[in-house]
Amino acid sequence: MTFSAGIVAYGIVDSNVPATTGGGLAGLAAAAMMGLAKIRAWTVDTSAERRQLAEALQQAQNEQTRYVAAQGAQAEEHRRRLRDLEAERVRYQQQLTAAKAALDEQYEARREALIIESMTTGIQLHLAGLLNAPADTAEAKIMPFPQSQPTRERATAHPADQAPEATRDRGAVRP
């Protein structure tokens, strides 16, 4: 660019039109080349976009890392809860077994006491002679059914048949 400006200045000082025109055209060509180089750099330069892409990829990688870490933590928490539930189930099973054993022991102790008490009572009743069958037994007597009354007699003698007439006479006006 400086060279073309020198040629233009020489052509103007020397009154040489071809040199001035050639220097001007060379200057224009140099300016066009410089402009085209700038336009090319501006359109082809992707460093800013590459920087944005790198940042986006880094954010995506960070997000994926957080997701995998959260997934691992969730799986570990699930395993911990399963272990806790299994330990609690075992503990309840042991408590249940201990309570059953205590109830069985209490039942056996009570059963033994009842057996001893019933045997003692049985022996006392036997020694007192209350378990021996009576020597003389009387024959059972059958009670006869009461004599049935004729149906017509019972119907006329029944007190329920007379009660409604008594209530009818109280305040009823007969025509």
Protein backbone atom coordinates (compact mmCIF):
# COMPACT_ATOMS: atom_id res chain seq x y z
CA MET A 1 0.00 0.00 0.00
CA THR A 2 2.87 2.36 0.81
CA PHE A 3 4.54 1.40 -2.45
CA SER A 4 1.49 2.31 -4.53
CA ALA A 5 1.16 5.61 -2.67
CA GLY A 6 4.82 6.36 -3.58
CA ILE A 7 4.18 5.58 -7.25
CA VAL A 8 1.11 7.83 -7.28
CA ALA A 9 3.12 10.64 -5.65
CA TYR A 10 5.98 10.20 -8.17
CA GLY A 11 3.48 10.23 -11.08
CA ILE A 12 1.89 13.42 -9.79
CA VAL A 13 5.25 15.17 -9.23
CA ASP A 14 6.65 14.02 -12.56
CA SER A 15 3.35 14.59 -14.38
CA ASN A 16 3.46 11.03 -15.55
CA VAL A 17 -0.17 9.93 -16.05
CA PRO A 18 0.53 6.20 -16.61
CA ALA A 19 2.56 6.03 -13.38
CA THR A 20 -0.13 7.86 -11.44
CA THR A 21 -2.86 5.64 -12.87
CA GLY A 22 -0.79 2.48 -12.33
CA GLY A 23 0.02 3.53 -8.75
CA GLY A 24 -3.67 4.29 -8.06
CA LEU A 25 -4.77 0.98 -9.53
CA ALA A 26 -2.07 -0.83 -7.55
CA GLY A 27 -3.31 0.97 -4.40
CA LEU A 28 -6.89 -0.02 -5.17
CA ALA A 29 -5.82 -3.59 -5.79
CA ALA A 30 -3.88 -3.62 -2.52
CA ALA A 31 -6.86 -2.13 -0.64
CA ALA A 32 -9.19 -4.68 -2.24
CA MET A 33 -6.82 -7.50 -1.32
CA MET A 34 -6.62 -6.25 2.26
CA GLY A 35 -10.43 -5.90 2.42
CA LEU A 36 -10.94 -9.36 0.97
CA ALA A 37 -8.45 -10.77 3.49
CA LYS A 38 -10.36 -9.09 6.32
CA ILE A 39 -13.73 -10.32 4.96
CA ARG A 40 -12.32 -13.83 4.59
CA ALA A 41 -10.95 -13.75 8.12
CA TRP A 42 -14.24 -12.43 9.39
CA THR A 43 -16.34 -15.10 7.59
CA VAL A 44 -13.97 -18.03 7.99
CA ASP A 45 -12.72 -17.34 11.50
CA THR A 46 -14.67 -19.68 13.77
CA SER A 47 -12.63 -19.27 16.91
CA ALA A 48 -15.50 -17.59 18.81
CA GLU A 49 -17.91 -20.31 17.76
CA ARG A 50 -15.36 -22.95 18.64
CA ARG A 51 -14.93 -21.34 22.03
CA GLN A 52 -18.74 -21.38 22.55
CA LEU A 53 -18.91 -24.98 21.39
CA ALA A 54 -16.12 -25.95 23.77
CA GLU A 55 -17.95 -24.23 26.65
CA ALA A 56 -21.23 -25.98 25.71
CA LEU A 57 -19.45 -29.34 25.51
CA GLN A 58 -17.85 -28.71 28.89
CA GLN A 59 -21.24 -27.84 30.40
CA ALA A 60 -22.77 -30.98 28.86
CA GLN A 61 -19.90 -33.06 30.25
CA ASN A 62 -20.37 -31.49 33.69
CA GLU A 63 -24.12 -32.18 33.52
CA GLN A 64 -23.49 -35.79 32.51
CA THR A 65 -21.00 -36.18 35.36
CA ARG A 66 -23.53 -34.76 37.85
CA TYR A 67 -26.23 -37.05 36.45
CA VAL A 68 -24.04 -40.14 36.72
CA ALA A 69 -23.00 -39.13 40.25
CA ALA A 70 -26.63 -38.57 41.27
CA GLN A 71 -27.62 -41.90 39.74
CA GLY A 72 -24.83 -43.65 41.64
CA ALA A 73 -25.84 -41.93 44.87
CA GLN A 74 -29.45 -42.95 44.33
CA ALA A 75 -28.45 -46.57 43.70
CA GLU A 76 -26.28 -46.57 46.82
CA GLU A 77 -29.10 -45.04 48.87
CA HIS A 78 -31.45 -47.74 47.57
CA ARG A 79 -28.95 -50.47 48.55
CA ARG A 80 -28.54 -48.87 51.99
CA ARG A 81 -32.31 -48.82 52.50
CA LEU A 82 -32.55 -52.46 51.45
CA ARG A 83 -29.79 -53.35 53.94
CA ASP A 84 -31.59 -51.39 56.67
CA LEU A 85 -34.89 -53.12 55.87
CA GLU A 86 -33.23 -56.53 55.93
CA ALA A 87 -31.53 -55.75 59.25
CA GLU A 88 -34.85 -54.54 60.66
CA ARG A 89 -36.60 -57.68 59.41
CA VAL A 90 -33.96 -59.86 61.07
CA ARG A 91 -34.28 -57.87 64.30
CA TYR A 92 -38.07 -58.22 64.29
CA GLN A 93 -37.74 -61.92 63.54
CA GLN A 94 -35.42 -62.30 66.54
CA GLN A 95 -37.84 -60.34 68.74
CA LEU A 96 -40.71 -62.49 67.52
CA THR A 97 -38.75 -65.68 68.19
CA ALA A 98 -37.83 -64.46 71.68
CA ALA A 99 -41.43 -63.47 72.44
CA LYS A 100 -42.69 -66.84 71.16
CA ALA A 101 -40.14 -68.67 73.30
CA ALA A 102 -41.19 -66.63 76.35
CA LEU A 103 -44.87 -67.36 75.68
CA ASP A 104 -44.13 -71.06 75.20
CA GLU A 105 -42.17 -71.11 78.46
CA GLN A 106 -44.96 -69.28 80.25
CA TYR A 107 -47.52 -71.70 78.77
CA GLU A 108 -45.48 -74.73 79.82
CA ALA A 109 -45.03 -73.32 83.34
CA ARG A 110 -48.75 -72.63 83.62
CA ARG A 111 -49.57 -76.03 82.10
CA GLU A 112 -47.37 -77.80 84.63
CA ALA A 113 -49.01 -75.86 87.45
CA LEU A 114 -52.49 -76.79 86.14
CA ILE A 115 -51.51 -80.46 85.81
CA ILE A 116 -50.17 -80.51 89.37
CA GLU A 117 -53.25 -78.71 90.70
CA SER A 118 -55.67 -81.02 88.86
CA MET A 119 -53.80 -84.15 89.96
CA THR A 120 -53.80 -82.91 93.57
CA THR A 121 -57.52 -82.18 93.40
CA GLY A 122 -58.20 -85.59 91.84
CA ILE A 123 -56.23 -87.39 94.54
CA GLN A 124 -58.00 -85.42 97.27
CA LEU A 125 -61.39 -86.26 95.73
CA HIS A 126 -60.41 -89.92 95.46
CA LEU A 127 -59.20 -90.04 99.04
CA ALA A 128 -62.40 -88.34 100.18
CA GLY A 129 -64.38 -90.99 98.31
CA LEU A 130 -66.19 -88.53 96.10
CA LEU A 131 -65.06 -90.22 92.89
CA ASN A 132 -66.52 -93.65 93.79
CA ALA A 133 -69.78 -94.56 92.11
CA PRO A 134 -72.74 -94.86 94.52
CA ALA A 135 -73.44 -98.47 95.49
CA ASP A 136 -77.20 -98.34 95.25
CA THR A 137 -78.68 -96.72 92.23
CA ALA A 138 -82.34 -96.04 91.83
CA GLU A 139 -84.12 -96.59 88.59
CA ALA A 140 -85.05 -93.52 86.65
CA LYS A 141 -88.68 -92.52 86.72
CA ILE A 142 -90.36 -91.28 83.61
CA MET A 143 -92.78 -88.46 84.13
CA PRO A 144 -96.01 -88.76 82.16
CA PHE A 145 -97.25 -85.97 79.90
CA PRO A 146 -100.19 -83.98 81.27
CA GLN A 147 -103.63 -85.02 80.08
CA SER A 148 -104.69 -83.01 77.09
CA GLN A 149 -107.96 -81.08 77.23
CA PRO A 150 -110.36 -81.08 74.35
CA THR A 151 -109.72 -78.26 71.94
CA ARG A 152 -113.16 -76.72 72.27
CA GLU A 153 -112.99 -76.53 76.04
CA ARG A 154 -109.64 -74.88 75.97
CA ALA A 155 -110.76 -72.31 73.45
CA THR A 156 -113.75 -71.19 75.49
CA ALA A 157 -111.91 -71.23 78.80
CA HIS A 158 -108.92 -69.28 77.59
CA PRO A 159 -108.60 -65.88 79.37
CA ALA A 160 -107.18 -64.13 76.31
CA ASP A 161 -110.49 -64.52 74.52
CA GLN A 162 -112.33 -62.63 77.25
CA ALA A 163 -109.90 -59.72 77.52
CA PRO A 164 -110.85 -57.94 74.29
CA GLU A 165 -114.53 -57.85 75.24
CA ALA A 166 -113.67 -56.19 78.54
CA THR A 167 -111.79 -53.48 76.77
CA ARG A 168 -114.56 -52.98 74.28
CA ASP A 169 -117.09 -52.34 77.01
CA ARG A 170 -115.12 -49.54 78.63
CA GLY A 171 -115.94 -46.58 76.57
CA ALA A 172 -117.56 -47.93 73.49
CA VAL A 173 -121.04 -46.78 72.61
CA ARG A 174 -123.16 -49.49 71.04
CA PRO A 175 -125.75 -48.53 68.50
